[in-house]
Amino acid sequence: MNFTSRKRWTSIVLLATLSAMAVMLSVSAPAQARISAPQPLLGDSLLLTGSASTTLFPEAPASGLSGASAGLPELVAPKHDKYIPAGYSALKLDPHDKVVLGLKDLYSPFTFLGDLASAGYSHLLNGEPNYGTNSGAFGQRLGATVIRDASEGIFADIVFSPLLHEDPRYYVEGPQYGFIHRVLYAGTRPIVTRSDSGHNTINGEVLLGYAASSALTCTYYPKINQNFHDTAATYGGSLAGAAVGFLVSEFSDQVLQALHLEKKP
């Protein structure tokens, strides 16, 4: 086993250790906090509404009445979904829930497809990490991308989200808001998120989690990329990638409906 391989395996072991520590910490949380029945309270509630409290910009007028206002059953998203559809409420998460959500997102097929696309794009441009352009290089790029993406999810969702009391989910604004509003909202989510109580706050989980993940690349990226400039570029690229991901999540339902691949609600 060469030096580069040893460093990559060291990173994998470190990520696995972080995951195990996070799971053990969540399991040791008071059982009552995990099994108590949620109650729809106001303010610092256990039931968070899906759109109003996280926007950076003035709200557009709502189109029609919500389900609760119209006397219809309130729509509540599944507890461990990473993306909350427009018009849905979301149950408040405790630290154990955040670990489950983070692991669920980490091992989803969509996450791997994103890693595959990212590695393919980097391979076509021979971008960072600079492994070259042969078939073996693509395998190395894919492995590095999976490790980086996994570490981002572990640090952000599983470690920093519980520590900073932040909600790791993305709340879709939906078509009742204007296009520019939605673009600005989605594009700023790597910087601004909501706290567990539903208020706007600096997105420390992503900013710190992605910084830690970028620093970790120095243990498995090629030696040519193990410098401050490339680490900073990786960090910036990860934040930009998160913004693009939020944009896709914001508009994906409308795109699928326009292509008749998804029924309108």
C-alpha atoms as a PDB file:
ATOM      1  CA  MET A   1       0.000   0.000   0.000  1.00  0.00           C
ATOM      2  CA  ASN A   2       1.527   3.337  -1.070  1.00  0.00           C
ATOM      3  CA  PHE A   3       1.558   6.564   0.946  1.00  0.00           C
ATOM      4  CA  THR A   4      -1.460   8.088  -0.855  1.00  0.00           C
ATOM      5  CA  SER A   5      -3.560   4.977  -0.241  1.00  0.00           C
ATOM      6  CA  ARG A   6      -2.625   4.949   3.435  1.00  0.00           C
ATOM      7  CA  LYS A   7      -3.735   8.584   3.760  1.00  0.00           C
ATOM      8  CA  ARG A   8      -7.039   7.860   2.047  1.00  0.00           C
ATOM      9  CA  TRP A   9      -7.735   4.923   4.335  1.00  0.00           C
ATOM     10  CA  THR A  10      -6.810   7.095   7.313  1.00  0.00           C
ATOM     11  CA  SER A  11      -9.472   9.596   6.210  1.00  0.00           C
ATOM     12  CA  ILE A  12     -12.086   6.852   5.796  1.00  0.00           C
ATOM     13  CA  VAL A  13     -11.341   5.513   9.289  1.00  0.00           C
ATOM     14  CA  LEU A  14     -11.587   9.048  10.698  1.00  0.00           C
ATOM     15  CA  LEU A  15     -14.980   9.582   9.060  1.00  0.00           C
ATOM     16  CA  ALA A  16     -16.240   6.244  10.330  1.00  0.00           C
ATOM     17  CA  THR A  17     -15.064   7.148  13.837  1.00  0.00           C
ATOM     18  CA  LEU A  18     -16.864  10.508  13.687  1.00  0.00           C
ATOM     19  CA  SER A  19     -20.051   8.778  12.551  1.00  0.00           C
ATOM     20  CA  ALA A  20     -19.839   6.235  15.358  1.00  0.00           C
ATOM     21  CA  MET A  21     -19.228   8.965  17.958  1.00  0.00           C
ATOM     22  CA  ALA A  22     -22.197  10.946  16.693  1.00  0.00           C
ATOM     23  CA  VAL A  23     -24.462   7.887  16.843  1.00  0.00           C
ATOM     24  CA  MET A  24     -23.337   7.052  20.382  1.00  0.00           C
ATOM     25  CA  LEU A  25     -23.908  10.637  21.525  1.00  0.00           C
ATOM     26  CA  SER A  26     -27.389  10.656  20.024  1.00  0.00           C
ATOM     27  CA  VAL A  27     -28.304   7.319  21.593  1.00  0.00           C
ATOM     28  CA  SER A  28     -27.189   8.601  24.993  1.00  0.00           C
ATOM     29  CA  ALA A  29     -29.589  11.572  24.762  1.00  0.00           C
ATOM     30  CA  PRO A  30     -32.484  11.413  27.233  1.00  0.00           C
ATOM     31  CA  ALA A  31     -35.061   8.970  25.958  1.00  0.00           C
ATOM     32  CA  GLN A  32     -37.905  11.265  26.943  1.00  0.00           C
ATOM     33  CA  ALA A  33     -36.700  13.907  24.499  1.00  0.00           C
ATOM     34  CA  ARG A  34     -36.876  11.365  21.672  1.00  0.00           C
ATOM     35  CA  ILE A  35     -40.243   9.791  22.404  1.00  0.00           C
ATOM     36  CA  SER A  36     -42.345  12.674  23.668  1.00  0.00           C
ATOM     37  CA  ALA A  37     -45.332  13.349  21.446  1.00  0.00           C
ATOM     38  CA  PRO A  38     -45.020  16.548  19.394  1.00  0.00           C
ATOM     39  CA  GLN A  39     -47.446  19.346  20.201  1.00  0.00           C
ATOM     40  CA  PRO A  40     -48.307  22.168  17.783  1.00  0.00           C
ATOM     41  CA  LEU A  41     -47.152  25.155  19.881  1.00  0.00           C
ATOM     42  CA  LEU A  42     -46.358  28.736  18.888  1.00  0.00           C
ATOM     43  CA  GLY A  43     -42.981  30.482  19.042  1.00  0.00           C
ATOM     44  CA  ASP A  44     -40.277  27.949  19.917  1.00  0.00           C
ATOM     45  CA  SER A  45     -42.605  25.224  18.736  1.00  0.00           C
ATOM     46  CA  LEU A  46     -42.318  21.565  18.026  1.00  0.00           C
ATOM     47  CA  LEU A  47     -44.151  22.146  14.750  1.00  0.00           C
ATOM     48  CA  LEU A  48     -42.312  24.515  12.425  1.00  0.00           C
ATOM     49  CA  THR A  49     -43.982  26.096   9.434  1.00  0.00           C
ATOM     50  CA  GLY A  50     -42.331  25.648   6.072  1.00  0.00           C
ATOM     51  CA  SER A  51     -41.644  29.064   4.576  1.00  0.00           C
ATOM     52  CA  ALA A  52     -42.002  32.300   6.453  1.00  0.00           C
ATOM     53  CA  SER A  53     -39.295  32.307   9.093  1.00  0.00           C
ATOM     54  CA  THR A  54     -36.178  31.661   7.019  1.00  0.00           C
ATOM     55  CA  THR A  55     -36.396  34.220   4.240  1.00  0.00           C
ATOM     56  CA  LEU A  56     -33.912  37.054   3.974  1.00  0.00           C
ATOM     57  CA  PHE A  57     -36.368  39.153   2.006  1.00  0.00           C
ATOM     58  CA  PRO A  58     -39.893  40.512   2.450  1.00  0.00           C
ATOM     59  CA  GLU A  59     -42.507  37.850   1.882  1.00  0.00           C
ATOM     60  CA  ALA A  60     -44.649  37.809  -1.207  1.00  0.00           C
ATOM     61  CA  PRO A  61     -48.409  37.639  -0.556  1.00  0.00           C
ATOM     62  CA  ALA A  62     -49.554  34.083   0.034  1.00  0.00           C
ATOM     63  CA  SER A  63     -51.705  32.639  -2.721  1.00  0.00           C
ATOM     64  CA  GLY A  64     -54.885  31.480  -1.000  1.00  0.00           C
ATOM     65  CA  LEU A  65     -55.404  29.994   2.438  1.00  0.00           C
ATOM     66  CA  SER A  66     -53.198  27.387   4.050  1.00  0.00           C
ATOM     67  CA  GLY A  67     -54.643  23.988   4.820  1.00  0.00           C
ATOM     68  CA  ALA A  68     -55.125  24.860   8.482  1.00  0.00           C
ATOM     69  CA  SER A  69     -56.777  28.217   7.667  1.00  0.00           C
ATOM     70  CA  ALA A  70     -59.148  26.609   5.185  1.00  0.00           C
ATOM     71  CA  GLY A  71     -60.203  23.942   7.657  1.00  0.00           C
ATOM     72  CA  LEU A  72     -58.227  21.214   5.860  1.00  0.00           C
ATOM     73  CA  PRO A  73     -55.816  18.778   7.556  1.00  0.00           C
ATOM     74  CA  GLU A  74     -52.377  20.340   8.033  1.00  0.00           C
ATOM     75  CA  LEU A  75     -49.634  18.824   5.877  1.00  0.00           C
ATOM     76  CA  VAL A  76     -46.662  17.624   7.937  1.00  0.00           C
ATOM     77  CA  ALA A  77     -43.480  16.403   6.242  1.00  0.00           C
ATOM     78  CA  PRO A  78     -41.863  13.109   7.342  1.00  0.00           C
ATOM     79  CA  LYS A  79     -39.556  13.795  10.255  1.00  0.00           C
ATOM     80  CA  HIS A  80     -36.313  12.656   8.645  1.00  0.00           C
ATOM     81  CA  ASP A  81     -36.732  14.241   5.213  1.00  0.00           C
ATOM     82  CA  LYS A  82     -33.944  16.693   4.334  1.00  0.00           C
ATOM     83  CA  TYR A  83     -36.175  18.831   2.097  1.00  0.00           C
ATOM     84  CA  ILE A  84     -39.515  20.210   3.287  1.00  0.00           C
ATOM     85  CA  PRO A  85     -41.982  20.906   0.440  1.00  0.00           C
ATOM     86  CA  ALA A  86     -43.718  24.267   0.185  1.00  0.00           C
ATOM     87  CA  GLY A  87     -46.871  24.410   2.278  1.00  0.00           C
ATOM     88  CA  TYR A  88     -45.735  21.646   4.648  1.00  0.00           C
ATOM     89  CA  SER A  89     -44.915  21.940   8.331  1.00  0.00           C
ATOM     90  CA  ALA A  90     -42.000  20.084   9.900  1.00  0.00           C
ATOM     91  CA  LEU A  91     -41.588  18.452  13.284  1.00  0.00           C
ATOM     92  CA  LYS A  92     -38.773  19.779  15.437  1.00  0.00           C
ATOM     93  CA  LEU A  93     -35.632  17.625  15.489  1.00  0.00           C
ATOM     94  CA  ASP A  94     -33.668  16.546  18.536  1.00  0.00           C
ATOM     95  CA  PRO A  95     -29.941  15.570  18.288  1.00  0.00           C
ATOM     96  CA  HIS A  96     -30.803  11.912  17.642  1.00  0.00           C
ATOM     97  CA  ASP A  97     -33.129  12.904  14.780  1.00  0.00           C
ATOM     98  CA  LYS A  98     -30.372  14.995  13.198  1.00  0.00           C
ATOM     99  CA  VAL A  99     -27.994  12.047  13.237  1.00  0.00           C
ATOM    100  CA  VAL A 100     -30.625   9.833  11.580  1.00  0.00           C
ATOM    101  CA  LEU A 101     -31.403  12.522   8.989  1.00  0.00           C
ATOM    102  CA  GLY A 102     -27.705  13.055   8.252  1.00  0.00           C
ATOM    103  CA  LEU A 103     -27.019   9.340   7.810  1.00  0.00           C
ATOM    104  CA  LYS A 104     -30.126   8.911   5.650  1.00  0.00           C
ATOM    105  CA  ASP A 105     -29.016  11.732   3.368  1.00  0.00           C
ATOM    106  CA  LEU A 106     -25.422  10.494   3.385  1.00  0.00           C
ATOM    107  CA  TYR A 107     -26.285   7.072   1.994  1.00  0.00           C
ATOM    108  CA  SER A 108     -29.096   8.037  -0.393  1.00  0.00           C
ATOM    109  CA  PRO A 109     -28.780   7.088  -4.105  1.00  0.00           C
ATOM    110  CA  PHE A 110     -29.249  10.741  -5.048  1.00  0.00           C
ATOM    111  CA  THR A 111     -26.170  11.660  -3.039  1.00  0.00           C
ATOM    112  CA  PHE A 112     -24.105   9.083  -4.920  1.00  0.00           C
ATOM    113  CA  LEU A 113     -25.452  10.300  -8.275  1.00  0.00           C
ATOM    114  CA  GLY A 114     -24.375  13.814  -7.309  1.00  0.00           C
ATOM    115  CA  ASP A 115     -20.915  12.519  -6.408  1.00  0.00           C
ATOM    116  CA  LEU A 116     -20.733  10.711  -9.744  1.00  0.00           C
ATOM    117  CA  ALA A 117     -21.672  13.859 -11.651  1.00  0.00           C
ATOM    118  CA  SER A 118     -19.205  15.985  -9.684  1.00  0.00           C
ATOM    119  CA  ALA A 119     -16.344  13.526 -10.263  1.00  0.00           C
ATOM    120  CA  GLY A 120     -17.227  13.304 -13.967  1.00  0.00           C
ATOM    121  CA  TYR A 121     -17.211  17.082 -14.374  1.00  0.00           C
ATOM    122  CA  SER A 122     -13.867  17.380 -12.575  1.00  0.00           C
ATOM    123  CA  HIS A 123     -12.453  14.552 -14.701  1.00  0.00           C
ATOM    124  CA  LEU A 124     -13.477  16.205 -17.980  1.00  0.00           C
ATOM    125  CA  LEU A 125     -11.777  19.465 -16.968  1.00  0.00           C
ATOM    126  CA  ASN A 126      -8.866  17.749 -15.192  1.00  0.00           C
ATOM    127  CA  GLY A 127      -9.687  19.947 -12.211  1.00  0.00           C
ATOM    128  CA  GLU A 128      -8.968  19.519  -8.523  1.00  0.00           C
ATOM    129  CA  PRO A 129      -8.033  17.041  -7.221  1.00  0.00           C
ATOM    130  CA  ASN A 130      -5.436  16.674  -9.976  1.00  0.00           C
ATOM    131  CA  TYR A 131      -5.221  12.945 -10.536  1.00  0.00           C
ATOM    132  CA  GLY A 132      -4.929  13.104 -14.334  1.00  0.00           C
ATOM    133  CA  THR A 133      -7.419  12.042 -17.010  1.00  0.00           C
ATOM    134  CA  ASN A 134      -7.078   8.250 -17.425  1.00  0.00           C
ATOM    135  CA  SER A 135      -9.632   5.705 -16.229  1.00  0.00           C
ATOM    136  CA  GLY A 136      -7.746   5.079 -13.028  1.00  0.00           C
ATOM    137  CA  ALA A 137      -7.771   8.806 -12.304  1.00  0.00           C
ATOM    138  CA  PHE A 138     -11.556   8.872 -12.571  1.00  0.00           C
ATOM    139  CA  GLY A 139     -11.807   6.151  -9.935  1.00  0.00           C
ATOM    140  CA  GLN A 140      -9.526   8.162  -7.658  1.00  0.00           C
ATOM    141  CA  ARG A 141     -11.588  11.312  -8.244  1.00  0.00           C
ATOM    142  CA  LEU A 142     -14.826   9.491  -7.482  1.00  0.00           C
ATOM    143  CA  GLY A 143     -13.385   8.086  -4.272  1.00  0.00           C
ATOM    144  CA  ALA A 144     -12.136  11.510  -3.199  1.00  0.00           C
ATOM    145  CA  THR A 145     -15.508  13.078  -4.025  1.00  0.00           C
ATOM    146  CA  VAL A 146     -17.381  10.476  -1.979  1.00  0.00           C
ATOM    147  CA  ILE A 147     -15.058  11.031   0.993  1.00  0.00           C
ATOM    148  CA  ARG A 148     -15.375  14.820   0.767  1.00  0.00           C
ATOM    149  CA  ASP A 149     -19.158  14.717   0.410  1.00  0.00           C
ATOM    150  CA  ALA A 150     -19.488  12.258   3.280  1.00  0.00           C
ATOM    151  CA  SER A 151     -17.298  14.368   5.554  1.00  0.00           C
ATOM    152  CA  GLU A 152     -19.352  17.473   4.699  1.00  0.00           C
ATOM    153  CA  GLY A 153     -22.536  15.679   5.708  1.00  0.00           C
ATOM    154  CA  ILE A 154     -21.031  14.285   8.901  1.00  0.00           C
ATOM    155  CA  PHE A 155     -19.528  17.558  10.061  1.00  0.00           C
ATOM    156  CA  ALA A 156     -22.508  19.736   9.068  1.00  0.00           C
ATOM    157  CA  ASP A 157     -25.594  17.635   9.818  1.00  0.00           C
ATOM    158  CA  ILE A 158     -24.347  15.219  12.478  1.00  0.00           C
ATOM    159  CA  VAL A 159     -21.751  17.240  14.409  1.00  0.00           C
ATOM    160  CA  PHE A 160     -22.334  20.989  14.100  1.00  0.00           C
ATOM    161  CA  SER A 161     -26.121  21.032  13.628  1.00  0.00           C
ATOM    162  CA  PRO A 162     -26.806  19.577  17.112  1.00  0.00           C
ATOM    163  CA  LEU A 163     -23.981  21.588  18.702  1.00  0.00           C
ATOM    164  CA  LEU A 164     -25.221  24.902  17.261  1.00  0.00           C
ATOM    165  CA  HIS A 165     -28.941  24.089  17.641  1.00  0.00           C
ATOM    166  CA  GLU A 166     -29.581  24.606  13.931  1.00  0.00           C
ATOM    167  CA  ASP A 167     -32.126  22.963  11.645  1.00  0.00           C
ATOM    168  CA  PRO A 168     -30.269  21.083   8.854  1.00  0.00           C
ATOM    169  CA  ARG A 169     -33.300  20.896   6.543  1.00  0.00           C
ATOM    170  CA  TYR A 170     -34.113  22.981   3.466  1.00  0.00           C
ATOM    171  CA  TYR A 171     -37.582  24.557   3.395  1.00  0.00           C
ATOM    172  CA  VAL A 172     -38.847  25.081  -0.159  1.00  0.00           C
ATOM    173  CA  GLU A 173     -40.488  28.480  -0.651  1.00  0.00           C
ATOM    174  CA  GLY A 174     -42.669  27.353  -3.551  1.00  0.00           C
ATOM    175  CA  PRO A 175     -44.412  29.040  -6.490  1.00  0.00           C
ATOM    176  CA  GLN A 176     -46.385  31.486  -4.328  1.00  0.00           C
ATOM    177  CA  TYR A 177     -43.141  33.509  -4.225  1.00  0.00           C
ATOM    178  CA  GLY A 178     -41.551  35.310  -7.149  1.00  0.00           C
ATOM    179  CA  PHE A 179     -38.728  33.770  -9.201  1.00  0.00           C
ATOM    180  CA  ILE A 180     -36.045  36.265  -8.084  1.00  0.00           C
ATOM    181  CA  HIS A 181     -37.073  35.884  -4.468  1.00  0.00           C
ATOM    182  CA  ARG A 182     -36.741  32.109  -4.688  1.00  0.00           C
ATOM    183  CA  VAL A 183     -33.355  32.275  -6.420  1.00  0.00           C
ATOM    184  CA  LEU A 184     -31.992  34.659  -3.784  1.00  0.00           C
ATOM    185  CA  TYR A 185     -33.481  32.584  -0.989  1.00  0.00           C
ATOM    186  CA  ALA A 186     -32.014  29.294  -2.246  1.00  0.00           C
ATOM    187  CA  GLY A 187     -28.661  30.842  -3.134  1.00  0.00           C
ATOM    188  CA  THR A 188     -28.186  32.271   0.366  1.00  0.00           C
ATOM    189  CA  ARG A 189     -29.074  29.118   2.325  1.00  0.00           C
ATOM    190  CA  PRO A 190     -25.403  28.053   2.692  1.00  0.00           C
ATOM    191  CA  ILE A 191     -24.952  31.294   4.668  1.00  0.00           C
ATOM    192  CA  VAL A 192     -28.309  31.710   6.409  1.00  0.00           C
ATOM    193  CA  THR A 193     -30.455  28.955   7.919  1.00  0.00           C
ATOM    194  CA  ARG A 194     -32.991  28.613  10.705  1.00  0.00           C
ATOM    195  CA  SER A 195     -32.395  27.728  14.309  1.00  0.00           C
ATOM    196  CA  ASP A 196     -34.198  24.898  16.067  1.00  0.00           C
ATOM    197  CA  SER A 197     -36.747  27.486  17.239  1.00  0.00           C
ATOM    198  CA  GLY A 198     -37.432  28.602  13.656  1.00  0.00           C
ATOM    199  CA  HIS A 199     -35.573  31.921  13.583  1.00  0.00           C
ATOM    200  CA  ASN A 200     -32.998  33.122  11.042  1.00  0.00           C
ATOM    201  CA  THR A 201     -29.390  32.498  12.012  1.00  0.00           C
ATOM    202  CA  ILE A 202     -25.940  32.260  10.428  1.00  0.00           C
ATOM    203  CA  ASN A 203     -25.535  28.811   8.888  1.00  0.00           C
ATOM    204  CA  GLY A 204     -22.692  27.771  11.159  1.00  0.00           C
ATOM    205  CA  GLU A 205     -23.241  24.072  10.536  1.00  0.00           C
ATOM    206  CA  VAL A 206     -22.478  24.428   6.813  1.00  0.00           C
ATOM    207  CA  LEU A 207     -19.819  27.152   7.093  1.00  0.00           C
ATOM    208  CA  LEU A 208     -17.890  25.314   9.818  1.00  0.00           C
ATOM    209  CA  GLY A 209     -18.693  21.795   8.631  1.00  0.00           C
ATOM    210  CA  TYR A 210     -17.549  22.442   5.078  1.00  0.00           C
ATOM    211  CA  ALA A 211     -14.415  24.203   6.370  1.00  0.00           C
ATOM    212  CA  ALA A 212     -13.529  21.141   8.438  1.00  0.00           C
ATOM    213  CA  SER A 213     -14.212  18.867   5.460  1.00  0.00           C
ATOM    214  CA  SER A 214     -12.043  21.014   3.170  1.00  0.00           C
ATOM    215  CA  ALA A 215      -9.192  20.944   5.680  1.00  0.00           C
ATOM    216  CA  LEU A 216      -9.483  17.152   5.821  1.00  0.00           C
ATOM    217  CA  THR A 217      -8.795  16.890   2.066  1.00  0.00           C
ATOM    218  CA  CYS A 218      -5.119  17.528   2.856  1.00  0.00           C
ATOM    219  CA  THR A 219      -4.972  13.955   4.171  1.00  0.00           C
ATOM    220  CA  TYR A 220      -6.083  12.284   0.915  1.00  0.00           C
ATOM    221  CA  TYR A 221      -5.816  14.737  -2.007  1.00  0.00           C
ATOM    222  CA  PRO A 222      -2.671  14.546  -4.198  1.00  0.00           C
ATOM    223  CA  LYS A 223       0.316  16.356  -2.758  1.00  0.00           C
ATOM    224  CA  ILE A 224       0.057  19.075  -5.431  1.00  0.00           C
ATOM    225  CA  ASN A 225      -3.338  20.071  -3.966  1.00  0.00           C
ATOM    226  CA  GLN A 226      -2.261  20.049  -0.337  1.00  0.00           C
ATOM    227  CA  ASN A 227      -1.872  23.803   0.081  1.00  0.00           C
ATOM    228  CA  PHE A 228      -3.901  26.727   1.399  1.00  0.00           C
ATOM    229  CA  HIS A 229      -4.942  28.001  -2.048  1.00  0.00           C
ATOM    230  CA  ASP A 230      -6.391  24.668  -3.198  1.00  0.00           C
ATOM    231  CA  THR A 231      -8.018  24.005   0.191  1.00  0.00           C
ATOM    232  CA  ALA A 232      -9.683  27.429   0.063  1.00  0.00           C
ATOM    233  CA  ALA A 233     -10.800  26.725  -3.525  1.00  0.00           C
ATOM    234  CA  THR A 234     -12.295  23.403  -2.399  1.00  0.00           C
ATOM    235  CA  TYR A 235     -14.146  25.214   0.394  1.00  0.00           C
ATOM    236  CA  GLY A 236     -15.544  27.846  -1.970  1.00  0.00           C
ATOM    237  CA  GLY A 237     -16.520  25.206  -4.497  1.00  0.00           C
ATOM    238  CA  SER A 238     -18.335  23.195  -1.833  1.00  0.00           C
ATOM    239  CA  LEU A 239     -20.359  26.233  -0.724  1.00  0.00           C
ATOM    240  CA  ALA A 240     -21.199  27.045  -4.344  1.00  0.00           C
ATOM    241  CA  GLY A 241     -22.212  23.420  -4.897  1.00  0.00           C
ATOM    242  CA  ALA A 242     -24.505  23.600  -1.863  1.00  0.00           C
ATOM    243  CA  ALA A 243     -26.166  26.727  -3.281  1.00  0.00           C
ATOM    244  CA  VAL A 244     -26.711  24.981  -6.626  1.00  0.00           C
ATOM    245  CA  GLY A 245     -28.188  21.995  -4.810  1.00  0.00           C
ATOM    246  CA  PHE A 246     -30.638  24.239  -2.963  1.00  0.00           C
ATOM    247  CA  LEU A 247     -31.619  25.915  -6.244  1.00  0.00           C
ATOM    248  CA  VAL A 248     -32.347  22.514  -7.772  1.00  0.00           C
ATOM    249  CA  SER A 249     -34.428  21.548  -4.731  1.00  0.00           C
ATOM    250  CA  GLU A 250     -36.334  24.837  -4.869  1.00  0.00           C
ATOM    251  CA  PHE A 251     -37.466  24.414  -8.470  1.00  0.00           C
ATOM    252  CA  SER A 252     -37.368  20.644  -9.058  1.00  0.00           C
ATOM    253  CA  ASP A 253     -41.074  20.065  -8.421  1.00  0.00           C
ATOM    254  CA  GLN A 254     -42.119  22.693 -10.977  1.00  0.00           C
ATOM    255  CA  VAL A 255     -39.661  21.333 -13.553  1.00  0.00           C
ATOM    256  CA  LEU A 256     -40.936  17.768 -13.089  1.00  0.00           C
ATOM    257  CA  GLN A 257     -44.538  18.955 -13.332  1.00  0.00           C
ATOM    258  CA  ALA A 258     -43.762  20.898 -16.527  1.00  0.00           C
ATOM    259  CA  LEU A 259     -42.277  17.708 -18.002  1.00  0.00           C
ATOM    260  CA  HIS A 260     -45.345  15.759 -16.815  1.00  0.00           C
ATOM    261  CA  LEU A 261     -43.141  13.538 -14.677  1.00  0.00           C
ATOM    262  CA  GLU A 262     -44.865  14.542 -11.454  1.00  0.00           C
ATOM    263  CA  LYS A 263     -48.507  15.288 -10.711  1.00  0.00           C
ATOM    264  CA  LYS A 264     -49.465  18.675  -9.344  1.00  0.00           C
ATOM    265  CA  PRO A 265     -50.558  18.567  -5.697  1.00  0.00           C
END
